[in-house]
Amino acid sequence: VEMGQVFPGFLTQILREGFTEFGKSMRGYLTNEAILHAPESRTSSPVRIPRDPLTYEHVQIKGLYPCGEGAGYAGGIISAAIDGEKCAMMIGAILNK
């Protein structure tokens, strides 16, 4: 499916311009064979799994540490990684008590 059939015109134009500009600095990035297959959006999960704000542990299930995008605490790959790191650090601190 062509990108213009999926996204609104203004978004298709912005993406094309962005790909072209990035392609100028990253040789081989933009080719006639390039495929756009899963653009990430700035949305997060419509569901939020509850967790204690201090311990990051689930409010009812001991030992469960919901984190990242799927748990509703991030909106993309970077924020999910940061939230995962925060949870891991908290778990480490709890285990080292």
PDB file of N, CA and C in Angstrom:
ATOM      1  N   VAL A   1       0.852  -1.176   0.000  1.00  0.00           N
ATOM      2  CA  VAL A   1       0.000   0.000   0.000  1.00  0.00           C
ATOM      3  C   VAL A   1       0.893   1.233   0.000  1.00  0.00           C
ATOM      4  N   GLU A   2       0.594   2.179  -0.800  1.00  0.00           N
ATOM      5  CA  GLU A   2       1.354   3.428  -0.878  1.00  0.00           C
ATOM      6  C   GLU A   2       1.058   4.292   0.336  1.00  0.00           C
ATOM      7  N   MET A   3       2.076   4.950   0.861  1.00  0.00           N
ATOM      8  CA  MET A   3       1.954   5.762   2.058  1.00  0.00           C
ATOM      9  C   MET A   3       0.800   6.765   1.973  1.00  0.00           C
ATOM     10  N   GLY A   4       0.613   7.368   0.813  1.00  0.00           N
ATOM     11  CA  GLY A   4      -0.443   8.355   0.636  1.00  0.00           C
ATOM     12  C   GLY A   4      -1.846   7.777   0.738  1.00  0.00           C
ATOM     13  N   GLN A   5      -1.971   6.472   0.645  1.00  0.00           N
ATOM     14  CA  GLN A   5      -3.276   5.829   0.791  1.00  0.00           C
ATOM     15  C   GLN A   5      -3.611   5.557   2.253  1.00  0.00           C
ATOM     16  N   VAL A   6      -2.608   5.650   3.119  1.00  0.00           N
ATOM     17  CA  VAL A   6      -2.797   5.345   4.530  1.00  0.00           C
ATOM     18  C   VAL A   6      -2.909   6.615   5.369  1.00  0.00           C
ATOM     19  N   PHE A   7      -2.007   7.576   5.114  1.00  0.00           N
ATOM     20  CA  PHE A   7      -1.953   8.795   5.916  1.00  0.00           C
ATOM     21  C   PHE A   7      -2.622   9.954   5.187  1.00  0.00           C
ATOM     22  N   PRO A   8      -3.100  10.957   5.944  1.00  0.00           N
ATOM     23  CA  PRO A   8      -3.631  12.165   5.308  1.00  0.00           C
ATOM     24  C   PRO A   8      -2.536  12.877   4.510  1.00  0.00           C
ATOM     25  N   GLY A   9      -2.925  13.644   3.515  1.00  0.00           N
ATOM     26  CA  GLY A   9      -1.981  14.319   2.623  1.00  0.00           C
ATOM     27  C   GLY A   9      -0.917  15.129   3.329  1.00  0.00           C
ATOM     28  N   PHE A  10      -1.307  15.913   4.332  1.00  0.00           N
ATOM     29  CA  PHE A  10      -0.318  16.759   5.017  1.00  0.00           C
ATOM     30  C   PHE A  10       0.732  15.908   5.715  1.00  0.00           C
ATOM     31  N   LEU A  11       0.327  14.790   6.288  1.00  0.00           N
ATOM     32  CA  LEU A  11       1.272  13.927   6.983  1.00  0.00           C
ATOM     33  C   LEU A  11       2.188  13.202   5.998  1.00  0.00           C
ATOM     34  N   THR A  12       1.621  12.752   4.899  1.00  0.00           N
ATOM     35  CA  THR A  12       2.426  12.104   3.864  1.00  0.00           C
ATOM     36  C   THR A  12       3.503  13.055   3.367  1.00  0.00           C
ATOM     37  N   GLN A  13       3.154  14.307   3.138  1.00  0.00           N
ATOM     38  CA  GLN A  13       4.112  15.305   2.656  1.00  0.00           C
ATOM     39  C   GLN A  13       5.218  15.540   3.684  1.00  0.00           C
ATOM     40  N   ILE A  14       4.845  15.682   4.951  1.00  0.00           N
ATOM     41  CA  ILE A  14       5.837  15.902   6.012  1.00  0.00           C
ATOM     42  C   ILE A  14       6.788  14.707   6.105  1.00  0.00           C
ATOM     43  N   LEU A  15       6.248  13.487   6.049  1.00  0.00           N
ATOM     44  CA  LEU A  15       7.093  12.293   6.112  1.00  0.00           C
ATOM     45  C   LEU A  15       8.055  12.233   4.930  1.00  0.00           C
ATOM     46  N   ARG A  16       7.550  12.514   3.735  1.00  0.00           N
ATOM     47  CA  ARG A  16       8.421  12.487   2.546  1.00  0.00           C
ATOM     48  C   ARG A  16       9.552  13.501   2.663  1.00  0.00           C
ATOM     49  N   GLU A  17       9.221  14.697   3.125  1.00  0.00           N
ATOM     50  CA  GLU A  17      10.250  15.720   3.291  1.00  0.00           C
ATOM     51  C   GLU A  17      11.274  15.294   4.343  1.00  0.00           C
ATOM     52  N   GLY A  18      10.794  14.728   5.441  1.00  0.00           N
ATOM     53  CA  GLY A  18      11.698  14.269   6.497  1.00  0.00           C
ATOM     54  C   GLY A  18      12.605  13.152   6.023  1.00  0.00           C
ATOM     55  N   PHE A  19      12.045  12.187   5.289  1.00  0.00           N
ATOM     56  CA  PHE A  19      12.855  11.085   4.767  1.00  0.00           C
ATOM     57  C   PHE A  19      13.908  11.607   3.795  1.00  0.00           C
ATOM     58  N   THR A  20      13.524  12.554   2.965  1.00  0.00           N
ATOM     59  CA  THR A  20      14.462  13.124   1.991  1.00  0.00           C
ATOM     60  C   THR A  20      15.609  13.833   2.710  1.00  0.00           C
ATOM     61  N   GLU A  21      15.283  14.641   3.718  1.00  0.00           N
ATOM     62  CA  GLU A  21      16.324  15.355   4.459  1.00  0.00           C
ATOM     63  C   GLU A  21      17.243  14.382   5.191  1.00  0.00           C
ATOM     64  N   PHE A  22      16.670  13.387   5.840  1.00  0.00           N
ATOM     65  CA  PHE A  22      17.494  12.409   6.558  1.00  0.00           C
ATOM     66  C   PHE A  22      18.357  11.627   5.581  1.00  0.00           C
ATOM     67  N   GLY A  23      17.808  11.320   4.415  1.00  0.00           N
ATOM     68  CA  GLY A  23      18.545  10.593   3.392  1.00  0.00           C
ATOM     69  C   GLY A  23      19.775  11.329   2.899  1.00  0.00           C
ATOM     70  N   LYS A  24      19.782  12.663   3.015  1.00  0.00           N
ATOM     71  CA  LYS A  24      20.953  13.446   2.609  1.00  0.00           C
ATOM     72  C   LYS A  24      22.142  13.207   3.537  1.00  0.00           C
ATOM     73  N   SER A  25      21.872  12.920   4.796  1.00  0.00           N
ATOM     74  CA  SER A  25      22.974  12.715   5.738  1.00  0.00           C
ATOM     75  C   SER A  25      23.261  11.240   6.006  1.00  0.00           C
ATOM     76  N   MET A  26      22.356  10.358   5.650  1.00  0.00           N
ATOM     77  CA  MET A  26      22.530   8.928   5.881  1.00  0.00           C
ATOM     78  C   MET A  26      22.464   8.202   4.537  1.00  0.00           C
ATOM     79  N   ARG A  27      23.638   8.045   3.927  1.00  0.00           N
ATOM     80  CA  ARG A  27      23.712   7.442   2.602  1.00  0.00           C
ATOM     81  C   ARG A  27      23.110   6.033   2.599  1.00  0.00           C
ATOM     82  N   GLY A  28      22.258   5.756   1.631  1.00  0.00           N
ATOM     83  CA  GLY A  28      21.633   4.455   1.503  1.00  0.00           C
ATOM     84  C   GLY A  28      20.336   4.307   2.276  1.00  0.00           C
ATOM     85  N   TYR A  29      19.984   5.316   3.079  1.00  0.00           N
ATOM     86  CA  TYR A  29      18.756   5.261   3.877  1.00  0.00           C
ATOM     87  C   TYR A  29      17.516   5.297   2.999  1.00  0.00           C
ATOM     88  N   LEU A  30      17.520   6.178   2.027  1.00  0.00           N
ATOM     89  CA  LEU A  30      16.355   6.380   1.176  1.00  0.00           C
ATOM     90  C   LEU A  30      16.630   5.760  -0.193  1.00  0.00           C
ATOM     91  N   THR A  31      15.886   4.718  -0.513  1.00  0.00           N
ATOM     92  CA  THR A  31      16.031   4.046  -1.802  1.00  0.00           C
ATOM     93  C   THR A  31      14.644   3.793  -2.381  1.00  0.00           C
ATOM     94  N   ASN A  32      14.601   3.395  -3.638  1.00  0.00           N
ATOM     95  CA  ASN A  32      13.322   3.055  -4.261  1.00  0.00           C
ATOM     96  C   ASN A  32      12.721   1.790  -3.655  1.00  0.00           C
ATOM     97  N   GLU A  33      13.540   1.018  -2.953  1.00  0.00           N
ATOM     98  CA  GLU A  33      13.070  -0.212  -2.330  1.00  0.00           C
ATOM     99  C   GLU A  33      12.687  -0.012  -0.861  1.00  0.00           C
ATOM    100  N   ALA A  34      12.842   1.200  -0.341  1.00  0.00           N
ATOM    101  CA  ALA A  34      12.555   1.464   1.075  1.00  0.00           C
ATOM    102  C   ALA A  34      11.093   1.178   1.389  1.00  0.00           C
ATOM    103  N   ILE A  35      10.877   0.620   2.566  1.00  0.00           N
ATOM    104  CA  ILE A  35       9.525   0.282   3.001  1.00  0.00           C
ATOM    105  C   ILE A  35       9.269   0.904   4.368  1.00  0.00           C
ATOM    106  N   LEU A  36       8.186   1.643   4.485  1.00  0.00           N
ATOM    107  CA  LEU A  36       7.738   2.177   5.765  1.00  0.00           C
ATOM    108  C   LEU A  36       6.749   1.167   6.321  1.00  0.00           C
ATOM    109  N   HIS A  37       7.086   0.551   7.452  1.00  0.00           N
ATOM    110  CA  HIS A  37       6.220  -0.544   7.882  1.00  0.00           C
ATOM    111  C   HIS A  37       5.598  -0.414   9.257  1.00  0.00           C
ATOM    112  N   ALA A  38       5.990   0.472  10.091  1.00  0.00           N
ATOM    113  CA  ALA A  38       5.339   0.595  11.390  1.00  0.00           C
ATOM    114  C   ALA A  38       5.707   1.911  12.049  1.00  0.00           C
ATOM    115  N   PRO A  39       5.164   2.995  11.559  1.00  0.00           N
ATOM    116  CA  PRO A  39       5.512   4.274  12.182  1.00  0.00           C
ATOM    117  C   PRO A  39       5.034   4.301  13.628  1.00  0.00           C
ATOM    118  N   GLU A  40       5.886   4.804  14.503  1.00  0.00           N
ATOM    119  CA  GLU A  40       5.514   4.908  15.907  1.00  0.00           C
ATOM    120  C   GLU A  40       4.782   6.218  16.123  1.00  0.00           C
ATOM    121  N   SER A  41       3.736   6.177  16.895  1.00  0.00           N
ATOM    122  CA  SER A  41       2.991   7.393  17.178  1.00  0.00           C
ATOM    123  C   SER A  41       3.278   7.833  18.607  1.00  0.00           C
ATOM    124  N   ARG A  42       2.791   8.980  18.971  1.00  0.00           N
ATOM    125  CA  ARG A  42       2.994   9.483  20.328  1.00  0.00           C
ATOM    126  C   ARG A  42       1.775   9.166  21.196  1.00  0.00           C
ATOM    127  N   THR A  43       1.348   7.954  21.140  1.00  0.00           N
ATOM    128  CA  THR A  43       0.233   7.533  21.972  1.00  0.00           C
ATOM    129  C   THR A  43       0.716   6.443  22.902  1.00  0.00           C
ATOM    130  N   SER A  44       0.019   6.245  23.958  1.00  0.00           N
ATOM    131  CA  SER A  44       0.379   5.134  24.828  1.00  0.00           C
ATOM    132  C   SER A  44      -0.837   4.246  25.001  1.00  0.00           C
ATOM    133  N   SER A  45      -0.656   3.223  25.784  1.00  0.00           N
ATOM    134  CA  SER A  45      -1.710   2.248  25.989  1.00  0.00           C
ATOM    135  C   SER A  45      -2.977   2.909  26.520  1.00  0.00           C
ATOM    136  N   PRO A  46      -4.144   2.491  26.028  1.00  0.00           N
ATOM    137  CA  PRO A  46      -5.397   3.037  26.562  1.00  0.00           C
ATOM    138  C   PRO A  46      -5.704   2.473  27.947  1.00  0.00           C
ATOM    139  N   VAL A  47      -4.902   1.511  28.384  1.00  0.00           N
ATOM    140  CA  VAL A  47      -5.085   0.880  29.687  1.00  0.00           C
ATOM    141  C   VAL A  47      -3.875   1.214  30.551  1.00  0.00           C
ATOM    142  N   ARG A  48      -4.117   1.487  31.800  1.00  0.00           N
ATOM    143  CA  ARG A  48      -3.001   1.710  32.729  1.00  0.00           C
ATOM    144  C   ARG A  48      -3.127   0.702  33.855  1.00  0.00           C
ATOM    145  N   ILE A  49      -2.091  -0.108  34.025  1.00  0.00           N
ATOM    146  CA  ILE A  49      -2.066  -1.075  35.118  1.00  0.00           C
ATOM    147  C   ILE A  49      -1.592  -0.324  36.360  1.00  0.00           C
ATOM    148  N   PRO A  50      -2.373  -0.354  37.433  1.00  0.00           N
ATOM    149  CA  PRO A  50      -2.009   0.454  38.602  1.00  0.00           C
ATOM    150  C   PRO A  50      -0.741  -0.037  39.285  1.00  0.00           C
ATOM    151  N   ARG A  51       0.067   0.918  39.747  1.00  0.00           N
ATOM    152  CA  ARG A  51       1.264   0.594  40.512  1.00  0.00           C
ATOM    153  C   ARG A  51       1.477   1.651  41.578  1.00  0.00           C
ATOM    154  N   ASP A  52       2.134   1.259  42.638  1.00  0.00           N
ATOM    155  CA  ASP A  52       2.446   2.170  43.727  1.00  0.00           C
ATOM    156  C   ASP A  52       3.451   3.197  43.219  1.00  0.00           C
ATOM    157  N   PRO A  53       3.198   4.480  43.412  1.00  0.00           N
ATOM    158  CA  PRO A  53       4.112   5.502  42.878  1.00  0.00           C
ATOM    159  C   PRO A  53       5.492   5.513  43.532  1.00  0.00           C
ATOM    160  N   LEU A  54       5.618   4.910  44.709  1.00  0.00           N
ATOM    161  CA  LEU A  54       6.914   4.891  45.389  1.00  0.00           C
ATOM    162  C   LEU A  54       7.717   3.635  45.077  1.00  0.00           C
ATOM    163  N   THR A  55       7.055   2.481  45.029  1.00  0.00           N
ATOM    164  CA  THR A  55       7.774   1.215  44.835  1.00  0.00           C
ATOM    165  C   THR A  55       7.673   0.679  43.409  1.00  0.00           C
ATOM    166  N   TYR A  56       6.755   1.193  42.627  1.00  0.00           N
ATOM    167  CA  TYR A  56       6.443   0.754  41.255  1.00  0.00           C
ATOM    168  C   TYR A  56       5.803  -0.638  41.215  1.00  0.00           C
ATOM    169  N   GLU A  57       5.548  -1.210  42.374  1.00  0.00           N
ATOM    170  CA  GLU A  57       4.932  -2.528  42.433  1.00  0.00           C
ATOM    171  C   GLU A  57       3.422  -2.388  42.252  1.00  0.00           C
ATOM    172  N   HIS A  58       2.803  -3.379  41.639  1.00  0.00           N
ATOM    173  CA  HIS A  58       1.352  -3.379  41.449  1.00  0.00           C
ATOM    174  C   HIS A  58       0.683  -3.178  42.813  1.00  0.00           C
ATOM    175  N   VAL A  59      -0.408  -2.450  42.837  1.00  0.00           N
ATOM    176  CA  VAL A  59      -1.048  -2.115  44.109  1.00  0.00           C
ATOM    177  C   VAL A  59      -1.693  -3.324  44.785  1.00  0.00           C
ATOM    178  N   GLN A  60      -1.967  -4.397  44.055  1.00  0.00           N
ATOM    179  CA  GLN A  60      -2.601  -5.568  44.655  1.00  0.00           C
ATOM    180  C   GLN A  60      -1.801  -6.863  44.487  1.00  0.00           C
ATOM    181  N   ILE A  61      -0.935  -6.937  43.492  1.00  0.00           N
ATOM    182  CA  ILE A  61      -0.218  -8.172  43.201  1.00  0.00           C
ATOM    183  C   ILE A  61       1.255  -8.008  43.554  1.00  0.00           C
ATOM    184  N   LYS A  62       1.649  -8.599  44.665  1.00  0.00           N
ATOM    185  CA  LYS A  62       3.026  -8.475  45.142  1.00  0.00           C
ATOM    186  C   LYS A  62       3.991  -9.108  44.131  1.00  0.00           C
ATOM    187  N   GLY A  63       5.084  -8.413  43.847  1.00  0.00           N
ATOM    188  CA  GLY A  63       6.102  -8.919  42.934  1.00  0.00           C
ATOM    189  C   GLY A  63       5.858  -8.601  41.465  1.00  0.00           C
ATOM    190  N   LEU A  64       4.755  -7.921  41.156  1.00  0.00           N
ATOM    191  CA  LEU A  64       4.476  -7.527  39.770  1.00  0.00           C
ATOM    192  C   LEU A  64       4.794  -6.045  39.622  1.00  0.00           C
ATOM    193  N   TYR A  65       5.648  -5.720  38.662  1.00  0.00           N
ATOM    194  CA  TYR A  65       6.075  -4.347  38.435  1.00  0.00           C
ATOM    195  C   TYR A  65       5.680  -3.918  37.021  1.00  0.00           C
ATOM    196  N   PRO A  66       4.464  -3.402  36.863  1.00  0.00           N
ATOM    197  CA  PRO A  66       4.041  -2.978  35.525  1.00  0.00           C
ATOM    198  C   PRO A  66       4.879  -1.793  35.051  1.00  0.00           C
ATOM    199  N   CYS A  67       5.371  -1.883  33.833  1.00  0.00           N
ATOM    200  CA  CYS A  67       6.172  -0.773  33.333  1.00  0.00           C
ATOM    201  C   CYS A  67       6.095  -0.707  31.816  1.00  0.00           C
ATOM    202  N   GLY A  68       6.478   0.430  31.293  1.00  0.00           N
ATOM    203  CA  GLY A  68       6.561   0.626  29.853  1.00  0.00           C
ATOM    204  C   GLY A  68       5.242   0.970  29.193  1.00  0.00           C
ATOM    205  N   GLU A  69       5.270   0.886  27.890  1.00  0.00           N
ATOM    206  CA  GLU A  69       4.136   1.315  27.084  1.00  0.00           C
ATOM    207  C   GLU A  69       2.903   0.445  27.284  1.00  0.00           C
ATOM    208  N   GLY A  70       3.088  -0.863  27.309  1.00  0.00           N
ATOM    209  CA  GLY A  70       1.952  -1.771  27.460  1.00  0.00           C
ATOM    210  C   GLY A  70       1.220  -1.610  28.780  1.00  0.00           C
ATOM    211  N   ALA A  71       1.936  -1.150  29.798  1.00  0.00           N
ATOM    212  CA  ALA A  71       1.322  -0.938  31.110  1.00  0.00           C
ATOM    213  C   ALA A  71       0.745   0.465  31.246  1.00  0.00           C
ATOM    214  N   GLY A  72       0.965   1.298  30.238  1.00  0.00           N
ATOM    215  CA  GLY A  72       0.410   2.646  30.258  1.00  0.00           C
ATOM    216  C   GLY A  72       1.308   3.692  30.879  1.00  0.00           C
ATOM    217  N   TYR A  73       2.595   3.407  31.018  1.00  0.00           N
ATOM    218  CA  TYR A  73       3.518   4.354  31.647  1.00  0.00           C
ATOM    219  C   TYR A  73       4.528   4.953  30.670  1.00  0.00           C
ATOM    220  N   ALA A  74       4.306   4.781  29.389  1.00  0.00           N
ATOM    221  CA  ALA A  74       5.212   5.331  28.394  1.00  0.00           C
ATOM    222  C   ALA A  74       4.450   5.513  27.088  1.00  0.00           C
ATOM    223  N   GLY A  75       5.004   6.311  26.212  1.00  0.00           N
ATOM    224  CA  GLY A  75       4.351   6.578  24.939  1.00  0.00           C
ATOM    225  C   GLY A  75       5.202   6.231  23.735  1.00  0.00           C
ATOM    226  N   GLY A  76       6.296   5.563  23.922  1.00  0.00           N
ATOM    227  CA  GLY A  76       7.173   5.216  22.806  1.00  0.00           C
ATOM    228  C   GLY A  76       8.378   4.448  23.297  1.00  0.00           C
ATOM    229  N   ILE A  77       9.239   4.126  22.372  1.00  0.00           N
ATOM    230  CA  ILE A  77      10.357   3.237  22.684  1.00  0.00           C
ATOM    231  C   ILE A  77      11.335   3.844  23.693  1.00  0.00           C
ATOM    232  N   ILE A  78      11.608   5.115  23.593  1.00  0.00           N
ATOM    233  CA  ILE A  78      12.567   5.734  24.521  1.00  0.00           C
ATOM    234  C   ILE A  78      11.971   5.861  25.914  1.00  0.00           C
ATOM    235  N   SER A  79      10.752   6.383  26.008  1.00  0.00           N
ATOM    236  CA  SER A  79      10.140   6.535  27.328  1.00  0.00           C
ATOM    237  C   SER A  79       9.865   5.176  27.950  1.00  0.00           C
ATOM    238  N   ALA A  80       9.576   4.149  27.135  1.00  0.00           N
ATOM    239  CA  ALA A  80       9.387   2.799  27.666  1.00  0.00           C
ATOM    240  C   ALA A  80      10.697   2.263  28.236  1.00  0.00           C
ATOM    241  N   ALA A  81      11.796   2.524  27.546  1.00  0.00           N
ATOM    242  CA  ALA A  81      13.105   2.083  28.034  1.00  0.00           C
ATOM    243  C   ALA A  81      13.445   2.776  29.351  1.00  0.00           C
ATOM    244  N   ILE A  82      13.169   4.058  29.444  1.00  0.00           N
ATOM    245  CA  ILE A  82      13.455   4.804  30.674  1.00  0.00           C
ATOM    246  C   ILE A  82      12.595   4.294  31.813  1.00  0.00           C
ATOM    247  N   ASP A  83      11.311   4.045  31.547  1.00  0.00           N
ATOM    248  CA  ASP A  83      10.439   3.536  32.595  1.00  0.00           C
ATOM    249  C   ASP A  83      10.890   2.136  33.030  1.00  0.00           C
ATOM    250  N   GLY A  84      11.285   1.313  32.081  1.00  0.00           N
ATOM    251  CA  GLY A  84      11.794  -0.015  32.417  1.00  0.00           C
ATOM    252  C   GLY A  84      13.033   0.064  33.278  1.00  0.00           C
ATOM    253  N   GLU A  85      13.908   1.012  32.958  1.00  0.00           N
ATOM    254  CA  GLU A  85      15.121   1.195  33.756  1.00  0.00           C
ATOM    255  C   GLU A  85      14.779   1.636  35.182  1.00  0.00           C
ATOM    256  N   LYS A  86      13.812   2.542  35.316  1.00  0.00           N
ATOM    257  CA  LYS A  86      13.379   2.988  36.640  1.00  0.00           C
ATOM    258  C   LYS A  86      12.833   1.816  37.452  1.00  0.00           C
ATOM    259  N   CYS A  87      12.017   0.983  36.809  1.00  0.00           N
ATOM    260  CA  CYS A  87      11.469  -0.190  37.501  1.00  0.00           C
ATOM    261  C   CYS A  87      12.580  -1.145  37.911  1.00  0.00           C
ATOM    262  N   ALA A  88      13.525  -1.390  37.030  1.00  0.00           N
ATOM    263  CA  ALA A  88      14.635  -2.290  37.346  1.00  0.00           C
ATOM    264  C   ALA A  88      15.461  -1.751  38.508  1.00  0.00           C
ATOM    265  N   MET A  89      15.692  -0.454  38.524  1.00  0.00           N
ATOM    266  CA  MET A  89      16.453   0.147  39.623  1.00  0.00           C
ATOM    267  C   MET A  89      15.695   0.018  40.945  1.00  0.00           C
ATOM    268  N   MET A  90      14.373   0.192  40.887  1.00  0.00           N
ATOM    269  CA  MET A  90      13.565   0.064  42.090  1.00  0.00           C
ATOM    270  C   MET A  90      13.589  -1.371  42.609  1.00  0.00           C
ATOM    271  N   ILE A  91      13.453  -2.336  41.712  1.00  0.00           N
ATOM    272  CA  ILE A  91      13.495  -3.736  42.097  1.00  0.00           C
ATOM    273  C   ILE A  91      14.856  -4.060  42.726  1.00  0.00           C
ATOM    274  N   GLY A  92      15.932  -3.563  42.102  1.00  0.00           N
ATOM    275  CA  GLY A  92      17.269  -3.766  42.642  1.00  0.00           C
ATOM    276  C   GLY A  92      17.410  -3.188  44.038  1.00  0.00           C
ATOM    277  N   ALA A  93      16.870  -1.997  44.241  1.00  0.00           N
ATOM    278  CA  ALA A  93      16.952  -1.360  45.565  1.00  0.00           C
ATOM    279  C   ALA A  93      16.178  -2.163  46.605  1.00  0.00           C
ATOM    280  N   ILE A  94      15.013  -2.683  46.215  1.00  0.00           N
ATOM    281  CA  ILE A  94      14.196  -3.479  47.137  1.00  0.00           C
ATOM    282  C   ILE A  94      14.914  -4.791  47.480  1.00  0.00           C
ATOM    283  N   LEU A  95      15.505  -5.438  46.498  1.00  0.00           N
ATOM    284  CA  LEU A  95      16.204  -6.713  46.714  1.00  0.00           C
ATOM    285  C   LEU A  95      17.471  -6.530  47.560  1.00  0.00           C
ATOM    286  N   ASN A  96      18.066  -5.358  47.495  1.00  0.00           N
ATOM    287  CA  ASN A  96      19.304  -5.100  48.244  1.00  0.00           C
ATOM    288  C   ASN A  96      19.063  -4.608  49.660  1.00  0.00           C
ATOM    289  N   LYS A  97      17.811  -4.519  50.082  1.00  0.00           N
ATOM    290  CA  LYS A  97      17.510  -4.054  51.456  1.00  0.00           C
ATOM    291  C   LYS A  97      17.902  -5.095  52.460  1.00  0.00           C
TER     292      LYS A  97
END
